[in-house]
Amino acid sequence: MRLSELQAKLWPAITERSAEGATGVVRDDLRLGPERRLEIYSQMYFWRLVDALREDFPNLSALLGEDAFTKLVEGYVRAYPSEHPSLGRLGRKMALFLSEHRFGDGRPDVADLAALEWARAEVFVELDAAAAPLSVFSPLSPGQFANARCRLVPSMRVLSLRHDAIALWRALENREPVPEPIAQAQHVLVWRKGWVVYHVAIAEDEARALNWTGQGRTLGEICEAFAEREHPAAAAFGAIQSWLAESLVASVDLS
């Protein structure tokens, strides 16, 4: 039997807990039969998935409790099995899965909590990029500034959530009483500075400006995101200066 054929038989036996067709290629011994040996490998594989997802969603795990989190993982990996060599990518659709299924006594904000935790996990392992200095705009004329484009660092995400996931995350992180779900639109910036991951709620117009920046729009266009503010120019410049201070801007393109 070729190695590829052997792998094709063992893979579903281990990942789907179905020994059908695989027992014939697993040796028996004096203590354990083929079915039991496959079951051990299958259990080891499943609990490794549970551990990997608990690392990426520690507060979600704390909110649900061990038994419910285990059931969540079981349903999740059945719906969205691992498709990447790294288990660090396994939780990429957890927020989507939770939006489709109710866990945590039916709390409507668990999907947003998962989205926040996944963004933090992604940002932590993202590629490093040198940040532009605070003085990067100093040499630019007004015309150059308006036509310039900022390139943001990879280690940041902008989330648009339906609930106050930050309050829930904070309570779980600090082992405080869990608040009732708060239904409100929330825009969250998640970024890494050095080896520390941060997140903060931001206004809708700043979230829009960051998304436009990521799309390659000019700074002149970015400033239009703040048009509804009382002082749009001041708001735009304040936001851009804060991006520089938090090392979100990798470079400025004048072309």
Foldseek 3Di string as FASTA:
>chain_A
DDPVVLCVQLVCCQAVVDNVPNQVVDDQDPPDGSSVVSVVNNVVVLVVLLVLVCVLQVLLCVLQDPVQSSVLSVVLCVVPNDDDPDSLCRLVCSLVVCCVDAGSVRANCSSVLSVVSNLQSDLLPDDDFFFDALCQCVVPDPVLQQAKAFAWTPNKDKDWGQWPSVQQVVCSVVVHDGDHIGGHIWIKMWGDDPNDIDMDTDDPLLSVLVVVSNVGHGLNVSLVSQVPDPDSVVVSVVSVSVCRVRRGTRHMGRD
